[in-house]
Amino acid sequence: DIVVSVIAGVSVTTLVLIATLPAPDRSVAEAMIA
């Protein structure tokens, strides 16, 4: 249970950190705003 919990926690934390990185391409967002 502990191993599965740690793997799940590390995976979700990694995904959140990746998702919060600055977006390299803002062209779609700028097009929607425009």
PDB file of all heavy atoms in Angstrom:
ATOM      1  N   ASP A   1       0.833  -1.204   0.000  1.00  0.00           N
ATOM      2  CA  ASP A   1       0.000   0.000   0.000  1.00  0.00           C
ATOM      3  C   ASP A   1       0.867   1.253   0.000  1.00  0.00           C
ATOM      4  O   ASP A   1       0.582   2.222  -0.707  1.00  0.00           O
ATOM      5  CB  ASP A   1      -0.918   0.031   1.223  1.00  0.00           C
ATOM      6  CG  ASP A   1      -1.972  -1.067   1.191  1.00  0.00           C
ATOM      7  OD1 ASP A   1      -2.172  -1.676   0.121  1.00  0.00           O
ATOM      8  OD2 ASP A   1      -2.584  -1.302   2.243  1.00  0.00           O
ATOM      9  N   ILE A   2       1.907   1.231   0.794  1.00  0.00           N
ATOM     10  CA  ILE A   2       2.804   2.390   0.889  1.00  0.00           C
ATOM     11  C   ILE A   2       3.515   2.624  -0.437  1.00  0.00           C
ATOM     12  O   ILE A   2       3.624   3.766  -0.901  1.00  0.00           O
ATOM     13  CB  ILE A   2       3.806   2.205   2.042  1.00  0.00           C
ATOM     14  CG1 ILE A   2       3.067   2.255   3.382  1.00  0.00           C
ATOM     15  CG2 ILE A   2       4.889   3.273   1.994  1.00  0.00           C
ATOM     16  CD1 ILE A   2       3.917   1.839   4.562  1.00  0.00           C
ATOM     17  N   VAL A   3       3.991   1.561  -1.066  1.00  0.00           N
ATOM     18  CA  VAL A   3       4.692   1.682  -2.345  1.00  0.00           C
ATOM     19  C   VAL A   3       3.760   2.264  -3.412  1.00  0.00           C
ATOM     20  O   VAL A   3       4.124   3.194  -4.144  1.00  0.00           O
ATOM     21  CB  VAL A   3       5.263   0.317  -2.796  1.00  0.00           C
ATOM     22  CG1 VAL A   3       5.746   0.360  -4.231  1.00  0.00           C
ATOM     23  CG2 VAL A   3       6.387  -0.117  -1.868  1.00  0.00           C
ATOM     24  N   VAL A   4       2.542   1.743  -3.487  1.00  0.00           N
ATOM     25  CA  VAL A   4       1.579   2.247  -4.467  1.00  0.00           C
ATOM     26  C   VAL A   4       1.256   3.716  -4.185  1.00  0.00           C
ATOM     27  O   VAL A   4       1.174   4.540  -5.106  1.00  0.00           O
ATOM     28  CB  VAL A   4       0.297   1.386  -4.462  1.00  0.00           C
ATOM     29  CG1 VAL A   4      -0.807   2.037  -5.285  1.00  0.00           C
ATOM     30  CG2 VAL A   4       0.595  -0.006  -4.990  1.00  0.00           C
ATOM     31  N   SER A   5       1.093   4.066  -2.919  1.00  0.00           N
ATOM     32  CA  SER A   5       0.784   5.453  -2.554  1.00  0.00           C
ATOM     33  C   SER A   5       1.919   6.397  -2.932  1.00  0.00           C
ATOM     34  O   SER A   5       1.676   7.496  -3.447  1.00  0.00           O
ATOM     35  CB  SER A   5       0.511   5.560  -1.053  1.00  0.00           C
ATOM     36  OG  SER A   5      -0.592   4.800  -0.692  1.00  0.00           O
ATOM     37  N   VAL A   6       3.145   5.985  -2.668  1.00  0.00           N
ATOM     38  CA  VAL A   6       4.292   6.840  -2.996  1.00  0.00           C
ATOM     39  C   VAL A   6       4.414   7.008  -4.507  1.00  0.00           C
ATOM     40  O   VAL A   6       4.628   8.125  -5.005  1.00  0.00           O
ATOM     41  CB  VAL A   6       5.592   6.263  -2.390  1.00  0.00           C
ATOM     42  CG1 VAL A   6       6.817   6.953  -2.960  1.00  0.00           C
ATOM     43  CG2 VAL A   6       5.559   6.384  -0.877  1.00  0.00           C
ATOM     44  N   ILE A   7       4.246   5.932  -5.262  1.00  0.00           N
ATOM     45  CA  ILE A   7       4.323   6.020  -6.722  1.00  0.00           C
ATOM     46  C   ILE A   7       3.227   6.944  -7.255  1.00  0.00           C
ATOM     47  O   ILE A   7       3.486   7.806  -8.104  1.00  0.00           O
ATOM     48  CB  ILE A   7       4.226   4.621  -7.368  1.00  0.00           C
ATOM     49  CG1 ILE A   7       5.503   3.824  -7.077  1.00  0.00           C
ATOM     50  CG2 ILE A   7       3.982   4.719  -8.869  1.00  0.00           C
ATOM     51  CD1 ILE A   7       5.434   2.369  -7.487  1.00  0.00           C
ATOM     52  N   ALA A   8       2.003   6.801  -6.742  1.00  0.00           N
ATOM     53  CA  ALA A   8       0.900   7.662  -7.189  1.00  0.00           C
ATOM     54  C   ALA A   8       1.175   9.113  -6.825  1.00  0.00           C
ATOM     55  O   ALA A   8       0.965  10.022  -7.648  1.00  0.00           O
ATOM     56  CB  ALA A   8      -0.420   7.197  -6.577  1.00  0.00           C
ATOM     57  N   GLY A   9       1.650   9.368  -5.610  1.00  0.00           N
ATOM     58  CA  GLY A   9       1.930  10.739  -5.182  1.00  0.00           C
ATOM     59  C   GLY A   9       3.024  11.388  -6.001  1.00  0.00           C
ATOM     60  O   GLY A   9       2.894  12.550  -6.418  1.00  0.00           O
ATOM     61  N   VAL A  10       4.091  10.653  -6.255  1.00  0.00           N
ATOM     62  CA  VAL A  10       5.195  11.195  -7.056  1.00  0.00           C
ATOM     63  C   VAL A  10       4.739  11.439  -8.497  1.00  0.00           C
ATOM     64  O   VAL A  10       5.073  12.464  -9.102  1.00  0.00           O
ATOM     65  CB  VAL A  10       6.419  10.254  -7.006  1.00  0.00           C
ATOM     66  CG1 VAL A  10       7.456  10.628  -8.050  1.00  0.00           C
ATOM     67  CG2 VAL A  10       7.030  10.256  -5.615  1.00  0.00           C
ATOM     68  N   SER A  11       3.939  10.529  -9.037  1.00  0.00           N
ATOM     69  CA  SER A  11       3.452  10.694 -10.409  1.00  0.00           C
ATOM     70  C   SER A  11       2.572  11.927 -10.543  1.00  0.00           C
ATOM     71  O   SER A  11       2.752  12.733 -11.469  1.00  0.00           O
ATOM     72  CB  SER A  11       2.654   9.457 -10.848  1.00  0.00           C
ATOM     73  OG  SER A  11       3.462   8.316 -10.811  1.00  0.00           O
ATOM     74  N   VAL A  12       1.626  12.099  -9.629  1.00  0.00           N
ATOM     75  CA  VAL A  12       0.729  13.254  -9.702  1.00  0.00           C
ATOM     76  C   VAL A  12       1.504  14.547  -9.480  1.00  0.00           C
ATOM     77  O   VAL A  12       1.288  15.541 -10.191  1.00  0.00           O
ATOM     78  CB  VAL A  12      -0.423  13.107  -8.679  1.00  0.00           C
ATOM     79  CG1 VAL A  12      -1.213  14.390  -8.552  1.00  0.00           C
ATOM     80  CG2 VAL A  12      -1.331  11.961  -9.084  1.00  0.00           C
ATOM     81  N   THR A  13       2.427  14.547  -8.528  1.00  0.00           N
ATOM     82  CA  THR A  13       3.231  15.750  -8.284  1.00  0.00           C
ATOM     83  C   THR A  13       4.041  16.111  -9.523  1.00  0.00           C
ATOM     84  O   THR A  13       4.119  17.281  -9.909  1.00  0.00           O
ATOM     85  CB  THR A  13       4.163  15.530  -7.080  1.00  0.00           C
ATOM     86  OG1 THR A  13       3.374  15.226  -5.935  1.00  0.00           O
ATOM     87  CG2 THR A  13       5.008  16.751  -6.802  1.00  0.00           C
ATOM     88  N   THR A  14       4.641  15.131 -10.168  1.00  0.00           N
ATOM     89  CA  THR A  14       5.416  15.372 -11.384  1.00  0.00           C
ATOM     90  C   THR A  14       4.535  15.944 -12.489  1.00  0.00           C
ATOM     91  O   THR A  14       4.916  16.908 -13.166  1.00  0.00           O
ATOM     92  CB  THR A  14       6.093  14.071 -11.853  1.00  0.00           C
ATOM     93  OG1 THR A  14       6.907  13.563 -10.799  1.00  0.00           O
ATOM     94  CG2 THR A  14       6.928  14.299 -13.089  1.00  0.00           C
ATOM     95  N   LEU A  15       3.347  15.367 -12.670  1.00  0.00           N
ATOM     96  CA  LEU A  15       2.439  15.871 -13.702  1.00  0.00           C
ATOM     97  C   LEU A  15       2.003  17.304 -13.418  1.00  0.00           C
ATOM     98  O   LEU A  15       1.917  18.134 -14.339  1.00  0.00           O
ATOM     99  CB  LEU A  15       1.218  14.960 -13.814  1.00  0.00           C
ATOM    100  CG  LEU A  15       1.465  13.603 -14.469  1.00  0.00           C
ATOM    101  CD1 LEU A  15       0.227  12.725 -14.369  1.00  0.00           C
ATOM    102  CD2 LEU A  15       1.898  13.767 -15.909  1.00  0.00           C
ATOM    103  N   VAL A  16       1.734  17.614 -12.155  1.00  0.00           N
ATOM    104  CA  VAL A  16       1.342  18.989 -11.803  1.00  0.00           C
ATOM    105  C   VAL A  16       2.493  19.951 -12.067  1.00  0.00           C
ATOM    106  O   VAL A  16       2.290  21.046 -12.606  1.00  0.00           O
ATOM    107  CB  VAL A  16       0.871  19.062 -10.337  1.00  0.00           C
ATOM    108  CG1 VAL A  16       0.761  20.502  -9.867  1.00  0.00           C
ATOM    109  CG2 VAL A  16      -0.455  18.350 -10.166  1.00  0.00           C
ATOM    110  N   LEU A  17       3.695  19.560 -11.708  1.00  0.00           N
ATOM    111  CA  LEU A  17       4.845  20.436 -11.944  1.00  0.00           C
ATOM    112  C   LEU A  17       5.082  20.650 -13.433  1.00  0.00           C
ATOM    113  O   LEU A  17       5.403  21.759 -13.870  1.00  0.00           O
ATOM    114  CB  LEU A  17       6.092  19.861 -11.273  1.00  0.00           C
ATOM    115  CG  LEU A  17       6.097  19.910  -9.747  1.00  0.00           C
ATOM    116  CD1 LEU A  17       7.313  19.195  -9.193  1.00  0.00           C
ATOM    117  CD2 LEU A  17       6.031  21.345  -9.248  1.00  0.00           C
ATOM    118  N   ILE A  18       4.914  19.610 -14.230  1.00  0.00           N
ATOM    119  CA  ILE A  18       5.071  19.749 -15.683  1.00  0.00           C
ATOM    120  C   ILE A  18       3.976  20.653 -16.244  1.00  0.00           C
ATOM    121  O   ILE A  18       4.232  21.511 -17.091  1.00  0.00           O
ATOM    122  CB  ILE A  18       5.052  18.367 -16.368  1.00  0.00           C
ATOM    123  CG1 ILE A  18       6.332  17.596 -16.021  1.00  0.00           C
ATOM    124  CG2 ILE A  18       4.888  18.499 -17.879  1.00  0.00           C
ATOM    125  CD1 ILE A  18       6.313  16.144 -16.452  1.00  0.00           C
ATOM    126  N   ALA A  19       2.745  20.481 -15.742  1.00  0.00           N
ATOM    127  CA  ALA A  19       1.624  21.278 -16.248  1.00  0.00           C
ATOM    128  C   ALA A  19       1.747  22.749 -15.892  1.00  0.00           C
ATOM    129  O   ALA A  19       1.203  23.604 -16.592  1.00  0.00           O
ATOM    130  CB  ALA A  19       0.311  20.723 -15.709  1.00  0.00           C
ATOM    131  N   THR A  20       2.456  23.063 -14.823  1.00  0.00           N
ATOM    132  CA  THR A  20       2.577  24.460 -14.415  1.00  0.00           C
ATOM    133  C   THR A  20       3.786  25.161 -15.019  1.00  0.00           C
ATOM    134  O   THR A  20       3.989  26.348 -14.745  1.00  0.00           O
ATOM    135  CB  THR A  20       2.638  24.576 -12.877  1.00  0.00           C
ATOM    136  OG1 THR A  20       3.730  23.799 -12.381  1.00  0.00           O
ATOM    137  CG2 THR A  20       1.342  24.119 -12.240  1.00  0.00           C
ATOM    138  N   LEU A  21       4.570  24.457 -15.808  1.00  0.00           N
ATOM    139  CA  LEU A  21       5.689  25.101 -16.498  1.00  0.00           C
ATOM    140  C   LEU A  21       5.139  26.109 -17.512  1.00  0.00           C
ATOM    141  O   LEU A  21       4.036  25.937 -18.028  1.00  0.00           O
ATOM    142  CB  LEU A  21       6.540  24.061 -17.223  1.00  0.00           C
ATOM    143  CG  LEU A  21       7.333  23.098 -16.336  1.00  0.00           C
ATOM    144  CD1 LEU A  21       8.027  22.052 -17.191  1.00  0.00           C
ATOM    145  CD2 LEU A  21       8.359  23.862 -15.520  1.00  0.00           C
ATOM    146  N   PRO A  22       5.879  27.150 -17.805  1.00  0.00           N
ATOM    147  CA  PRO A  22       5.384  28.121 -18.781  1.00  0.00           C
ATOM    148  C   PRO A  22       5.166  27.466 -20.146  1.00  0.00           C
ATOM    149  O   PRO A  22       5.976  26.658 -20.590  1.00  0.00           O
ATOM    150  CB  PRO A  22       6.507  29.157 -18.872  1.00  0.00           C
ATOM    151  CG  PRO A  22       7.392  28.918 -17.713  1.00  0.00           C
ATOM    152  CD  PRO A  22       7.170  27.517 -17.254  1.00  0.00           C
ATOM    153  N   ALA A  23       4.054  27.831 -20.755  1.00  0.00           N
ATOM    154  CA  ALA A  23       3.739  27.275 -22.073  1.00  0.00           C
ATOM    155  C   ALA A  23       4.669  27.888 -23.118  1.00  0.00           C
ATOM    156  O   ALA A  23       4.782  29.103 -23.210  1.00  0.00           O
ATOM    157  CB  ALA A  23       2.290  27.570 -22.426  1.00  0.00           C
ATOM    158  N   PRO A  24       5.353  27.056 -23.895  1.00  0.00           N
ATOM    159  CA  PRO A  24       6.287  27.599 -24.877  1.00  0.00           C
ATOM    160  C   PRO A  24       5.592  28.279 -26.056  1.00  0.00           C
ATOM    161  O   PRO A  24       6.109  29.207 -26.634  1.00  0.00           O
ATOM    162  CB  PRO A  24       7.070  26.363 -25.341  1.00  0.00           C
ATOM    163  CG  PRO A  24       6.182  25.209 -25.035  1.00  0.00           C
ATOM    164  CD  PRO A  24       5.351  25.606 -23.868  1.00  0.00           C
ATOM    165  N   ASP A  25       4.388  27.834 -26.422  1.00  0.00           N
ATOM    166  CA  ASP A  25       3.708  28.383 -27.590  1.00  0.00           C
ATOM    167  C   ASP A  25       2.378  28.994 -27.152  1.00  0.00           C
ATOM    168  O   ASP A  25       1.463  28.289 -26.762  1.00  0.00           O
ATOM    169  CB  ASP A  25       3.470  27.275 -28.617  1.00  0.00           C
ATOM    170  CG  ASP A  25       2.811  27.797 -29.872  1.00  0.00           C
ATOM    171  OD1 ASP A  25       2.836  29.028 -30.096  1.00  0.00           O
ATOM    172  OD2 ASP A  25       2.262  26.979 -30.630  1.00  0.00           O
ATOM    173  N   ARG A  26       2.285  30.304 -27.225  1.00  0.00           N
ATOM    174  CA  ARG A  26       1.071  30.999 -26.786  1.00  0.00           C
ATOM    175  C   ARG A  26       0.220  31.443 -27.976  1.00  0.00           C
ATOM    176  O   ARG A  26      -0.692  32.238 -27.820  1.00  0.00           O
ATOM    177  CB  ARG A  26       1.439  32.202 -25.928  1.00  0.00           C
ATOM    178  CG  ARG A  26       2.132  31.804 -24.634  1.00  0.00           C
ATOM    179  CD  ARG A  26       2.140  32.877 -23.591  1.00  0.00           C
ATOM    180  NE  ARG A  26       1.022  33.780 -23.509  1.00  0.00           N
ATOM    181  CZ  ARG A  26      -0.072  33.584 -22.781  1.00  0.00           C
ATOM    182  NH1 ARG A  26      -0.204  32.487 -22.082  1.00  0.00           N
ATOM    183  NH2 ARG A  26      -1.036  34.494 -22.744  1.00  0.00           N
ATOM    184  N   SER A  27       0.501  30.911 -29.150  1.00  0.00           N
ATOM    185  CA  SER A  27      -0.209  31.384 -30.337  1.00  0.00           C
ATOM    186  C   SER A  27      -1.704  31.065 -30.278  1.00  0.00           C
ATOM    187  O   SER A  27      -2.529  31.879 -30.715  1.00  0.00           O
ATOM    188  CB  SER A  27       0.414  30.795 -31.605  1.00  0.00           C
ATOM    189  OG  SER A  27       0.321  29.381 -31.574  1.00  0.00           O
ATOM    190  N   VAL A  28      -2.068  29.915 -29.759  1.00  0.00           N
ATOM    191  CA  VAL A  28      -3.485  29.558 -29.667  1.00  0.00           C
ATOM    192  C   VAL A  28      -4.193  30.476 -28.670  1.00  0.00           C
ATOM    193  O   VAL A  28      -5.284  30.994 -28.946  1.00  0.00           O
ATOM    194  CB  VAL A  28      -3.658  28.070 -29.267  1.00  0.00           C
ATOM    195  CG1 VAL A  28      -5.112  27.748 -29.014  1.00  0.00           C
ATOM    196  CG2 VAL A  28      -3.092  27.173 -30.343  1.00  0.00           C
ATOM    197  N   ALA A  29      -3.568  30.698 -27.514  1.00  0.00           N
ATOM    198  CA  ALA A  29      -4.165  31.578 -26.508  1.00  0.00           C
ATOM    199  C   ALA A  29      -4.317  32.990 -27.056  1.00  0.00           C
ATOM    200  O   ALA A  29      -5.362  33.639 -26.873  1.00  0.00           O
ATOM    201  CB  ALA A  29      -3.303  31.589 -25.248  1.00  0.00           C
ATOM    202  N   GLU A  30      -3.314  33.480 -27.750  1.00  0.00           N
ATOM    203  CA  GLU A  30      -3.386  34.825 -28.318  1.00  0.00           C
ATOM    204  C   GLU A  30      -4.462  34.923 -29.393  1.00  0.00           C
ATOM    205  O   GLU A  30      -5.169  35.935 -29.492  1.00  0.00           O
ATOM    206  CB  GLU A  30      -2.021  35.230 -28.859  1.00  0.00           C
ATOM    207  CG  GLU A  30      -0.999  35.469 -27.765  1.00  0.00           C
ATOM    208  CD  GLU A  30       0.430  35.570 -28.268  1.00  0.00           C
ATOM    209  OE1 GLU A  30       0.651  35.457 -29.487  1.00  0.00           O
ATOM    210  OE2 GLU A  30       1.330  35.767 -27.432  1.00  0.00           O
ATOM    211  N   ALA A  31      -4.623  33.865 -30.191  1.00  0.00           N
ATOM    212  CA  ALA A  31      -5.671  33.853 -31.218  1.00  0.00           C
ATOM    213  C   ALA A  31      -7.053  33.879 -30.576  1.00  0.00           C
ATOM    214  O   ALA A  31      -7.951  34.597 -31.041  1.00  0.00           O
ATOM    215  CB  ALA A  31      -5.515  32.625 -32.113  1.00  0.00           C
ATOM    216  N   MET A  32      -7.237  33.118 -29.510  1.00  0.00           N
ATOM    217  CA  MET A  32      -8.532  33.110 -28.817  1.00  0.00           C
ATOM    218  C   MET A  32      -8.836  34.478 -28.217  1.00  0.00           C
ATOM    219  O   MET A  32      -9.969  34.951 -28.274  1.00  0.00           O
ATOM    220  CB  MET A  32      -8.554  32.047 -27.716  1.00  0.00           C
ATOM    221  CG  MET A  32      -8.498  30.638 -28.220  1.00  0.00           C
ATOM    222  SD  MET A  32      -9.996  30.226 -29.089  1.00  0.00           S
ATOM    223  CE  MET A  32      -9.538  28.695 -29.828  1.00  0.00           C
ATOM    224  N   ILE A  33      -7.840  35.104 -27.633  1.00  0.00           N
ATOM    225  CA  ILE A  33      -8.023  36.439 -27.054  1.00  0.00           C
ATOM    226  C   ILE A  33      -8.373  37.441 -28.152  1.00  0.00           C
ATOM    227  O   ILE A  33      -9.276  38.271 -28.003  1.00  0.00           O
ATOM    228  CB  ILE A  33      -6.770  36.865 -26.275  1.00  0.00           C
ATOM    229  CG1 ILE A  33      -6.605  35.994 -25.015  1.00  0.00           C
ATOM    230  CG2 ILE A  33      -6.827  38.332 -25.899  1.00  0.00           C
ATOM    231  CD1 ILE A  33      -5.263  36.129 -24.326  1.00  0.00           C
ATOM    232  N   ALA A  34      -7.665  37.357 -29.278  1.00  0.00           N
ATOM    233  CA  ALA A  34      -7.895  38.303 -30.375  1.00  0.00           C
ATOM    234  C   ALA A  34      -9.265  38.111 -31.017  1.00  0.00           C
ATOM    235  O   ALA A  34      -9.887  39.089 -31.463  1.00  0.00           O
ATOM    236  CB  ALA A  34      -6.796  38.148 -31.425  1.00  0.00           C
TER     237      ALA A  34
END
